[in-house]
């Protein structure tokens, strides 16, 4: 496991022909611009030691992005090396009925 920490996350429904938006952030190791450029490529890791240190095959984000695109959405990422990353996922949604917001405690 990593010592990064999920620090914030929001799920937003935008008005109009609407999209659901989720944007989790973490305080992990972050990525350089070069690493970010290949982030969504299948079987790609940020660097050679990443797979050994953090595990994984480099497929999760590629699959997630493709899945979102098949539903008409998108996944994007912003990152600052040494400070963490923020991922944004948007999906088109159709609101068919107003439901009172649930109170989360």
N, C-alpha and C. Protein backbone atom coordinates (compact mmCIF):
# COMPACT_ATOMS: atom_id res chain seq x y z
N UNK A 1 0.84 -1.19 0.00
CA UNK A 1 0.00 0.00 0.00
C UNK A 1 0.88 1.25 0.00
N UNK A 2 0.28 2.35 -0.38
CA UNK A 2 1.01 3.61 -0.42
C UNK A 2 0.77 4.37 0.87
N UNK A 3 1.57 5.40 1.12
CA UNK A 3 1.30 6.27 2.24
C UNK A 3 0.59 7.52 1.77
N UNK A 4 0.01 7.47 0.56
CA UNK A 4 -0.79 8.60 0.11
C UNK A 4 -2.14 8.54 0.80
N UNK A 5 -2.82 9.63 0.77
CA UNK A 5 -4.07 9.73 1.48
C UNK A 5 -5.10 10.44 0.62
N UNK A 6 -6.28 9.86 0.46
CA UNK A 6 -7.36 10.54 -0.23
C UNK A 6 -7.78 11.70 0.65
N UNK A 7 -7.63 12.93 0.11
CA UNK A 7 -7.86 14.10 0.95
C UNK A 7 -9.17 14.79 0.66
N UNK A 8 -9.69 14.62 -0.53
CA UNK A 8 -10.93 15.30 -0.87
C UNK A 8 -11.61 14.54 -1.98
N UNK A 9 -12.89 14.66 -2.05
CA UNK A 9 -13.63 14.05 -3.14
C UNK A 9 -15.01 14.67 -3.20
N UNK A 10 -15.48 14.92 -4.40
CA UNK A 10 -16.82 15.47 -4.56
C UNK A 10 -17.53 14.74 -5.68
N UNK A 11 -18.83 14.66 -5.57
CA UNK A 11 -19.68 14.19 -6.66
C UNK A 11 -20.68 15.31 -6.90
N UNK A 12 -20.72 15.80 -8.12
CA UNK A 12 -21.56 16.94 -8.45
C UNK A 12 -22.46 16.59 -9.62
N UNK A 13 -23.70 17.01 -9.58
CA UNK A 13 -24.59 16.89 -10.73
C UNK A 13 -24.75 18.29 -11.30
N UNK A 14 -24.38 18.44 -12.56
CA UNK A 14 -24.43 19.75 -13.20
C UNK A 14 -25.80 19.97 -13.81
N UNK A 15 -26.32 21.22 -13.81
CA UNK A 15 -27.66 21.49 -14.36
C UNK A 15 -27.69 21.39 -15.88
N UNK A 16 -28.90 21.27 -16.43
CA UNK A 16 -29.06 21.23 -17.88
C UNK A 16 -28.96 19.80 -18.38
N UNK A 17 -28.68 19.64 -19.70
CA UNK A 17 -28.40 18.28 -20.19
C UNK A 17 -27.19 17.84 -19.40
N UNK A 18 -27.38 17.00 -18.47
CA UNK A 18 -26.54 16.97 -17.30
C UNK A 18 -25.45 15.91 -17.32
N UNK A 19 -24.43 16.18 -16.56
CA UNK A 19 -23.32 15.25 -16.37
C UNK A 19 -23.06 15.09 -14.89
N UNK A 20 -22.71 13.87 -14.52
CA UNK A 20 -22.24 13.63 -13.15
C UNK A 20 -20.74 13.82 -13.15
N UNK A 21 -20.25 14.43 -12.13
CA UNK A 21 -18.83 14.75 -12.05
C UNK A 21 -18.31 14.28 -10.71
N UNK A 22 -17.22 13.52 -10.71
CA UNK A 22 -16.56 13.15 -9.47
C UNK A 22 -15.09 13.52 -9.58
N UNK A 23 -14.52 14.02 -8.50
CA UNK A 23 -13.15 14.53 -8.54
C UNK A 23 -12.41 14.19 -7.25
N UNK A 24 -11.88 12.96 -7.12
CA UNK A 24 -11.07 12.62 -5.94
C UNK A 24 -9.65 13.18 -6.05
N UNK A 25 -9.07 13.54 -4.92
CA UNK A 25 -7.70 14.05 -4.86
C UNK A 25 -6.93 13.27 -3.80
N UNK A 26 -5.60 13.23 -3.95
CA UNK A 26 -4.78 12.57 -2.93
C UNK A 26 -3.52 13.38 -2.66
N UNK A 27 -2.82 13.00 -1.62
CA UNK A 27 -1.56 13.64 -1.25
C UNK A 27 -0.40 12.68 -1.48
N UNK A 28 -0.50 11.89 -2.54
CA UNK A 28 0.51 10.88 -2.83
C UNK A 28 1.78 11.46 -3.43
N UNK A 29 2.48 10.62 -4.20
CA UNK A 29 3.78 11.00 -4.75
C UNK A 29 3.67 11.95 -5.93
N UNK A 30 2.49 12.07 -6.51
CA UNK A 30 2.31 12.93 -7.67
C UNK A 30 3.04 12.40 -8.88
N UNK A 31 2.93 13.11 -10.00
CA UNK A 31 3.55 12.68 -11.25
C UNK A 31 4.14 13.88 -11.97
N UNK A 32 5.18 13.60 -12.74
CA UNK A 32 5.76 14.63 -13.61
C UNK A 32 4.88 14.75 -14.86
N UNK A 33 5.11 15.79 -15.65
CA UNK A 33 4.37 15.97 -16.90
C UNK A 33 4.58 14.79 -17.84
N UNK A 34 5.79 14.24 -17.88
CA UNK A 34 6.08 13.09 -18.73
C UNK A 34 5.30 11.86 -18.28
N UNK A 35 5.23 11.64 -16.98
CA UNK A 35 4.48 10.51 -16.45
C UNK A 35 2.99 10.69 -16.72
N UNK A 36 2.50 11.90 -16.53
CA UNK A 36 1.09 12.19 -16.75
C UNK A 36 0.69 11.97 -18.20
N UNK A 37 1.60 12.27 -19.14
CA UNK A 37 1.31 12.13 -20.57
C UNK A 37 1.02 10.69 -20.97
N UNK A 38 1.59 9.71 -20.26
CA UNK A 38 1.35 8.31 -20.61
C UNK A 38 0.48 7.58 -19.60
N UNK A 39 -0.16 8.31 -18.74
CA UNK A 39 -0.92 7.74 -17.64
C UNK A 39 -2.03 6.79 -18.07
N UNK A 40 -2.74 7.09 -19.15
CA UNK A 40 -3.89 6.29 -19.56
C UNK A 40 -3.55 5.25 -20.62
N UNK A 41 -2.26 5.05 -20.89
CA UNK A 41 -1.85 4.01 -21.83
C UNK A 41 -1.87 2.65 -21.12
N UNK A 42 -2.43 1.64 -21.80
CA UNK A 42 -2.51 0.31 -21.21
C UNK A 42 -1.10 -0.24 -20.94
N UNK A 43 -0.96 -0.92 -19.82
CA UNK A 43 0.28 -1.56 -19.37
C UNK A 43 1.40 -0.56 -19.16
N UNK A 44 1.06 0.67 -18.84
CA UNK A 44 2.07 1.71 -18.62
C UNK A 44 2.13 2.03 -17.13
N UNK A 45 3.33 2.15 -16.61
CA UNK A 45 3.54 2.57 -15.23
C UNK A 45 4.28 3.90 -15.26
N UNK A 46 4.15 4.69 -14.22
CA UNK A 46 4.81 5.99 -14.17
C UNK A 46 6.32 5.85 -14.28
N UNK A 47 6.87 4.83 -13.66
CA UNK A 47 8.31 4.55 -13.75
C UNK A 47 8.52 3.07 -13.45
N UNK A 48 9.67 2.56 -13.78
CA UNK A 48 9.94 1.12 -13.65
C UNK A 48 9.74 0.60 -12.23
N UNK A 49 10.10 1.37 -11.23
CA UNK A 49 10.00 0.90 -9.84
C UNK A 49 8.57 0.96 -9.30
N UNK A 50 7.67 1.63 -10.00
CA UNK A 50 6.30 1.80 -9.50
C UNK A 50 5.59 0.46 -9.32
N UNK A 51 5.72 -0.44 -10.30
CA UNK A 51 5.02 -1.71 -10.20
C UNK A 51 5.49 -2.51 -8.99
N UNK A 52 6.79 -2.50 -8.73
CA UNK A 52 7.31 -3.24 -7.57
C UNK A 52 6.88 -2.59 -6.26
N UNK A 53 6.91 -1.26 -6.20
CA UNK A 53 6.62 -0.57 -4.95
C UNK A 53 5.13 -0.47 -4.66
N UNK A 54 4.32 -0.19 -5.70
CA UNK A 54 2.89 0.05 -5.48
C UNK A 54 1.98 -1.00 -6.08
N UNK A 55 2.54 -1.98 -6.80
CA UNK A 55 1.78 -3.06 -7.43
C UNK A 55 0.95 -2.55 -8.60
N UNK A 56 0.29 -3.45 -9.26
CA UNK A 56 -0.57 -3.10 -10.38
C UNK A 56 0.08 -3.41 -11.72
N UNK A 57 -0.77 -3.46 -12.74
CA UNK A 57 -0.31 -3.81 -14.09
C UNK A 57 -0.30 -2.63 -15.03
N UNK A 58 -0.88 -1.52 -14.62
CA UNK A 58 -0.98 -0.37 -15.51
C UNK A 58 -2.22 -0.43 -16.38
N UNK A 59 -3.22 -1.21 -15.96
CA UNK A 59 -4.46 -1.32 -16.74
C UNK A 59 -5.63 -0.56 -16.13
N UNK A 60 -5.62 -0.31 -14.85
CA UNK A 60 -6.79 0.26 -14.17
C UNK A 60 -7.29 1.56 -14.77
N UNK A 61 -6.40 2.52 -14.97
CA UNK A 61 -6.83 3.81 -15.50
C UNK A 61 -7.18 3.73 -16.97
N UNK A 62 -6.49 2.89 -17.73
CA UNK A 62 -6.82 2.71 -19.14
C UNK A 62 -8.23 2.12 -19.29
N UNK A 63 -8.54 1.12 -18.48
CA UNK A 63 -9.87 0.51 -18.51
C UNK A 63 -10.93 1.50 -18.04
N UNK A 64 -10.65 2.24 -16.96
CA UNK A 64 -11.60 3.21 -16.43
C UNK A 64 -11.93 4.28 -17.47
N UNK A 65 -10.90 4.80 -18.14
CA UNK A 65 -11.13 5.82 -19.15
C UNK A 65 -11.95 5.27 -20.31
N UNK A 66 -11.61 4.08 -20.80
CA UNK A 66 -12.33 3.49 -21.92
C UNK A 66 -13.78 3.24 -21.54
N UNK A 67 -14.02 2.75 -20.33
CA UNK A 67 -15.37 2.49 -19.85
C UNK A 67 -16.19 3.79 -19.82
N UNK A 68 -15.60 4.86 -19.30
CA UNK A 68 -16.29 6.16 -19.27
C UNK A 68 -16.57 6.66 -20.67
N UNK A 69 -15.59 6.52 -21.59
CA UNK A 69 -15.78 6.97 -22.96
C UNK A 69 -16.90 6.19 -23.64
N UNK A 70 -17.01 4.89 -23.38
CA UNK A 70 -18.09 4.09 -23.96
C UNK A 70 -19.46 4.57 -23.50
N UNK A 71 -19.52 5.18 -22.32
CA UNK A 71 -20.78 5.71 -21.80
C UNK A 71 -20.95 7.20 -22.12
N UNK A 72 -20.05 7.76 -22.93
CA UNK A 72 -20.16 9.17 -23.32
C UNK A 72 -19.47 10.13 -22.38
N UNK A 73 -18.63 9.62 -21.49
CA UNK A 73 -17.95 10.46 -20.51
C UNK A 73 -16.45 10.52 -20.75
N UNK A 74 -15.72 10.92 -19.71
CA UNK A 74 -14.26 11.08 -19.82
C UNK A 74 -13.63 11.00 -18.44
N UNK A 75 -12.36 10.60 -18.42
CA UNK A 75 -11.54 10.65 -17.21
C UNK A 75 -10.29 11.44 -17.54
N UNK A 76 -9.97 12.41 -16.71
CA UNK A 76 -8.76 13.21 -16.89
C UNK A 76 -8.00 13.25 -15.56
N UNK A 77 -6.75 13.71 -15.63
CA UNK A 77 -5.93 13.79 -14.41
C UNK A 77 -5.08 15.05 -14.43
N UNK A 78 -4.86 15.60 -13.25
CA UNK A 78 -3.88 16.68 -13.00
C UNK A 78 -3.00 16.19 -11.88
N UNK A 79 -1.73 16.57 -11.94
CA UNK A 79 -0.83 16.10 -10.89
C UNK A 79 0.34 17.06 -10.74
N UNK A 80 0.84 17.12 -9.53
CA UNK A 80 2.06 17.87 -9.26
C UNK A 80 3.01 16.94 -8.53
N UNK A 81 4.20 16.77 -9.11
CA UNK A 81 5.17 15.84 -8.55
C UNK A 81 5.48 16.20 -7.09
N UNK A 82 5.40 15.19 -6.23
CA UNK A 82 5.68 15.39 -4.81
C UNK A 82 4.52 15.93 -4.00
N UNK A 83 3.41 16.27 -4.66
CA UNK A 83 2.28 16.85 -3.92
C UNK A 83 0.98 16.06 -4.06
N UNK A 84 0.81 15.30 -5.14
CA UNK A 84 -0.42 14.52 -5.28
C UNK A 84 -1.09 14.72 -6.62
N UNK A 85 -2.25 14.10 -6.76
CA UNK A 85 -2.97 14.08 -8.03
C UNK A 85 -4.45 14.30 -7.81
N UNK A 86 -5.12 14.80 -8.85
CA UNK A 86 -6.57 14.95 -8.86
C UNK A 86 -7.08 14.33 -10.15
N UNK A 87 -8.04 13.45 -10.02
CA UNK A 87 -8.67 12.80 -11.17
C UNK A 87 -10.09 13.31 -11.31
N UNK A 88 -10.52 13.53 -12.54
CA UNK A 88 -11.89 14.00 -12.79
C UNK A 88 -12.57 13.01 -13.72
N UNK A 89 -13.75 12.55 -13.32
CA UNK A 89 -14.55 11.67 -14.16
C UNK A 89 -15.90 12.33 -14.40
N UNK A 90 -16.28 12.45 -15.66
CA UNK A 90 -17.61 12.96 -15.99
C UNK A 90 -18.37 11.89 -16.75
N UNK A 91 -19.65 11.80 -16.47
CA UNK A 91 -20.54 10.87 -17.16
C UNK A 91 -21.87 11.57 -17.41
N UNK A 92 -22.43 11.40 -18.61
CA UNK A 92 -23.76 11.96 -18.84
C UNK A 92 -24.79 11.18 -18.01
N UNK A 93 -25.69 11.90 -17.41
CA UNK A 93 -26.74 11.25 -16.63
C UNK A 93 -28.08 11.90 -16.96
N UNK A 94 -29.14 11.18 -16.71
CA UNK A 94 -30.47 11.71 -16.92
C UNK A 94 -31.20 11.69 -15.59
N UNK A 95 -31.62 12.85 -15.14
CA UNK A 95 -32.37 12.95 -13.89
C UNK A 95 -33.85 12.82 -14.25
N UNK A 96 -34.48 11.76 -13.76
CA UNK A 96 -35.87 11.51 -14.12
C UNK A 96 -36.85 11.94 -13.02
N UNK A 97 -36.34 12.14 -11.83
CA UNK A 97 -37.22 12.48 -10.71
C UNK A 97 -36.40 13.19 -9.65
N UNK A 98 -36.99 14.22 -9.05
CA UNK A 98 -36.30 14.91 -7.97
C UNK A 98 -36.42 14.09 -6.70
N UNK A 99 -35.29 13.88 -6.06
CA UNK A 99 -35.24 13.14 -4.81
C UNK A 99 -34.55 14.05 -3.79
N UNK A 100 -35.12 14.19 -2.59
CA UNK A 100 -34.47 15.02 -1.58
C UNK A 100 -33.04 14.53 -1.30
N UNK A 101 -32.16 15.46 -1.10
CA UNK A 101 -30.77 15.11 -0.81
C UNK A 101 -30.69 14.35 0.50
N UNK A 102 -29.87 13.32 0.52
CA UNK A 102 -29.66 12.55 1.74
C UNK A 102 -28.67 13.25 2.63
N UNK A 103 -28.91 13.23 3.90
CA UNK A 103 -27.99 13.83 4.85
C UNK A 103 -26.94 12.80 5.22
N UNK A 104 -25.66 13.17 5.01
CA UNK A 104 -24.56 12.27 5.31
C UNK A 104 -23.92 12.71 6.61
N UNK A 105 -23.72 11.76 7.52
CA UNK A 105 -23.10 12.13 8.79
C UNK A 105 -21.77 11.49 8.95
